[in-house]
C-alpha atoms as a PDB file:
ATOM      1  CA  MET A   1      12.918 -12.736   8.982  1.00  0.00           C
ATOM      2  CA  THR A   2      16.481 -13.781   9.551  1.00  0.00           C
ATOM      3  CA  GLY A   3      18.053 -16.983   8.449  1.00  0.00           C
ATOM      4  CA  ALA A   4      20.276 -18.359   5.790  1.00  0.00           C
ATOM      5  CA  MET A   5      21.187 -15.786   3.186  1.00  0.00           C
ATOM      6  CA  ARG A   6      22.770 -16.195  -0.225  1.00  0.00           C
ATOM      7  CA  LYS A   7      24.851 -13.587  -1.947  1.00  0.00           C
ATOM      8  CA  LEU A   8      24.027 -12.961  -5.590  1.00  0.00           C
ATOM      9  CA  SER A   9      25.607 -10.768  -8.207  1.00  0.00           C
ATOM     10  CA  ILE A  10      23.106  -9.277 -10.640  1.00  0.00           C
ATOM     11  CA  SER A  11      23.237  -6.932 -13.601  1.00  0.00           C
ATOM     12  CA  VAL A  12      20.555  -4.271 -13.967  1.00  0.00           C
ATOM     13  CA  PRO A  13      19.883  -1.440 -16.405  1.00  0.00           C
ATOM     14  CA  PRO A  14      21.142   2.028 -15.416  1.00  0.00           C
ATOM     15  CA  ASP A  15      17.707   3.343 -14.387  1.00  0.00           C
ATOM     16  CA  VAL A  16      17.221   0.416 -12.015  1.00  0.00           C
ATOM     17  CA  ALA A  17      20.743   0.823 -10.619  1.00  0.00           C
ATOM     18  CA  GLU A  18      20.074   4.523  -9.963  1.00  0.00           C
ATOM     19  CA  ARG A  19      16.867   3.642  -8.085  1.00  0.00           C
ATOM     20  CA  LEU A  20      18.586   0.992  -5.983  1.00  0.00           C
ATOM     21  CA  GLU A  21      21.410   3.378  -5.114  1.00  0.00           C
ATOM     22  CA  ARG A  22      18.863   5.657  -3.405  1.00  0.00           C
ATOM     23  CA  GLU A  23      17.826   2.869  -1.029  1.00  0.00           C
ATOM     24  CA  SER A  24      19.441   2.406   2.366  1.00  0.00           C
ATOM     25  CA  SER A  25      19.357  -1.359   1.701  1.00  0.00           C
ATOM     26  CA  ALA A  26      19.134  -2.443  -1.915  1.00  0.00           C
ATOM     27  CA  SER A  27      18.976  -6.059  -0.753  1.00  0.00           C
ATOM     28  CA  ALA A  28      15.892  -5.414   1.386  1.00  0.00           C
ATOM     29  CA  TYR A  29      14.255  -3.422  -1.420  1.00  0.00           C
ATOM     30  CA  ILE A  30      14.867  -6.167  -3.979  1.00  0.00           C
ATOM     31  CA  THR A  31      13.760  -8.875  -1.543  1.00  0.00           C
ATOM     32  CA  GLN A  32      10.453  -7.089  -0.912  1.00  0.00           C
ATOM     33  CA  ALA A  33       9.908  -6.471  -4.635  1.00  0.00           C
ATOM     34  CA  VAL A  34      10.502 -10.141  -5.446  1.00  0.00           C
ATOM     35  CA  ARG A  35       8.222 -11.292  -2.611  1.00  0.00           C
ATOM     36  CA  ASP A  36       5.507  -8.935  -3.848  1.00  0.00           C
ATOM     37  CA  ARG A  37       5.853 -10.436  -7.323  1.00  0.00           C
ATOM     38  CA  MET A  38       5.771 -13.954  -5.873  1.00  0.00           C
ATOM     39  CA  ARG A  39       2.443 -13.134  -4.153  1.00  0.00           C
ATOM     40  CA  LEU A  40       1.037 -11.778  -7.429  1.00  0.00           C
ATOM     41  CA  ASP A  41       2.188 -14.890  -9.284  1.00  0.00           C
ATOM     42  CA  ALA A  42       0.569 -17.089  -6.611  1.00  0.00           C
ATOM     43  CA  LEU A  43      -2.664 -15.105  -6.923  1.00  0.00           C
ATOM     44  CA  ASP A  44      -2.610 -15.452 -10.722  1.00  0.00           C
ATOM     45  CA  ALA A  45      -2.040 -19.206 -10.349  1.00  0.00           C
ATOM     46  CA  GLU A  46      -4.904 -19.555  -7.858  1.00  0.00           C
ATOM     47  CA  LEU A  47      -7.259 -17.542 -10.042  1.00  0.00           C
ATOM     48  CA  ALA A  48      -6.302 -19.689 -13.056  1.00  0.00           C
ATOM     49  CA  HIS A  49      -6.882 -22.820 -10.926  1.00  0.00           C
ATOM     50  CA  GLN A  50     -10.374 -21.468 -10.154  1.00  0.00           C
ATOM     51  CA  GLY A  51     -11.003 -20.924 -13.867  1.00  0.00           C
ATOM     52  CA  ILE A  52     -10.256 -17.188 -13.927  1.00  0.00           C
ATOM     53  CA  PRO A  53      -7.139 -16.683 -16.057  1.00  0.00           C
ATOM     54  CA  ILE A  54      -5.551 -13.231 -16.019  1.00  0.00           C
ATOM     55  CA  THR A  55      -4.521 -12.066 -19.486  1.00  0.00           C
ATOM     56  CA  GLU A  56      -2.881  -8.871 -20.730  1.00  0.00           C
ATOM     57  CA  GLN A  57      -5.969  -8.193 -22.850  1.00  0.00           C
ATOM     58  CA  GLY A  58      -8.264  -8.656 -19.841  1.00  0.00           C
ATOM     59  CA  VAL A  59      -6.136  -6.330 -17.713  1.00  0.00           C
ATOM     60  CA  ALA A  60      -6.101  -3.701 -20.479  1.00  0.00           C
ATOM     61  CA  GLU A  61      -9.895  -3.917 -20.845  1.00  0.00           C
ATOM     62  CA  ALA A  62     -10.409  -3.618 -17.074  1.00  0.00           C
ATOM     63  CA  ARG A  63      -8.105  -0.582 -16.923  1.00  0.00           C
ATOM     64  CA  ALA A  64      -9.988   1.056 -19.789  1.00  0.00           C
ATOM     65  CA  ARG A  65     -13.349   0.455 -18.074  1.00  0.00           C
ATOM     66  CA  ARG A  66     -11.991   1.880 -14.805  1.00  0.00           C
ATOM     67  CA  ALA A  67     -10.561   4.951 -16.553  1.00  0.00           C
ATOM     68  CA  ALA A  68     -13.920   5.571 -18.266  1.00  0.00           C
ATOM     69  CA  VAL A  69     -15.744   5.451 -14.914  1.00  0.00           C
ATOM     70  CA  GLU A  70     -13.155   7.602 -13.147  1.00  0.00           C
ATOM     71  CA  ALA A  71     -13.303  10.214 -15.921  1.00  0.00           C
ATOM     72  CA  ASP A  72     -16.826  11.041 -14.721  1.00  0.00           C
ATOM     73  CA  TRP A  73     -15.740  11.482 -11.076  1.00  0.00           C
ATOM     74  CA  SER A  74     -15.553  14.944  -9.608  1.00  0.00           C
ATOM     75  CA  PRO A  75     -12.437  15.964  -7.662  1.00  0.00           C
ATOM     76  CA  GLU A  76     -14.582  15.875  -4.495  1.00  0.00           C
ATOM     77  CA  ARG A  77     -15.685  12.300  -5.116  1.00  0.00           C
ATOM     78  CA  ARG A  78     -12.124  11.224  -5.893  1.00  0.00           C
ATOM     79  CA  SER A  79     -10.907  12.850  -2.655  1.00  0.00           C
ATOM     80  CA  ALA A  80     -13.702  11.281  -0.600  1.00  0.00           C
ATOM     81  CA  LEU A  81     -12.957   7.817  -1.967  1.00  0.00           C
ATOM     82  CA  ARG A  82      -9.236   8.256  -1.329  1.00  0.00           C
ATOM     83  CA  GLU A  83      -9.973   9.260   2.290  1.00  0.00           C
ATOM     84  CA  ARG A  84     -12.389   6.346   2.727  1.00  0.00           C
ATOM     85  CA  ALA A  85      -9.724   3.906   1.481  1.00  0.00           C
ATOM     86  CA  ARG A  86      -7.141   5.473   3.811  1.00  0.00           C
ATOM     87  CA  GLN A  87      -9.467   5.167   6.801  1.00  0.00           C
ATOM     88  CA  HIS A  88     -10.254   1.571   5.911  1.00  0.00           C
ATOM     89  CA  ALA A  89      -6.532   0.769   5.780  1.00  0.00           C
ATOM     90  CA  LEU A  90      -5.908   2.264   9.229  1.00  0.00           C
ATOM     91  CA  GLY A  91      -5.743  -0.211  12.076  1.00  0.00           C
ATOM     92  CA  ALA A  92      -7.338   0.254  15.489  1.00  0.00           C
ATOM     93  CA  ASP A  93      -4.190   2.060  16.680  1.00  0.00           C
ATOM     94  CA  GLY A  94      -4.364   4.591  13.837  1.00  0.00           C
ATOM     95  CA  THR A  95      -1.426   3.187  11.872  1.00  0.00           C
ATOM     96  CA  LEU A  96      -1.526   1.485   8.508  1.00  0.00           C
ATOM     97  CA  GLU A  97      -2.077  -2.241   8.765  1.00  0.00           C
ATOM     98  CA  GLN A  98       0.663  -4.334   7.188  1.00  0.00           C
ATOM     99  CA  PRO A  99      -0.368  -7.233   4.924  1.00  0.00           C
ATOM    100  CA  ALA A 100       0.321 -10.717   6.229  1.00  0.00           C
ATOM    101  CA  ALA A 101       3.583 -12.146   4.929  1.00  0.00           C
END
């Protein structure tokens, strides 16, 4: 998407600066990261609007339940599920589908 752009000057911690320096376009990387966060924030707002608030405690509990289930998975099952997810993500042309912007 091209259009009006604004130049910003930001300060970041050294570890973030080092990561951005490895990118061919730090601006594009930051833009995508912020847009991803905006989508997550919109999802959180919609879930809250539907009466499903997302809390840190709820996320921690869900992660703990998932880890407990995954601890019982064999390496074969884990590999099969990973392959199934990869196949599901492939489009008809065999390339990964990109999420709608």
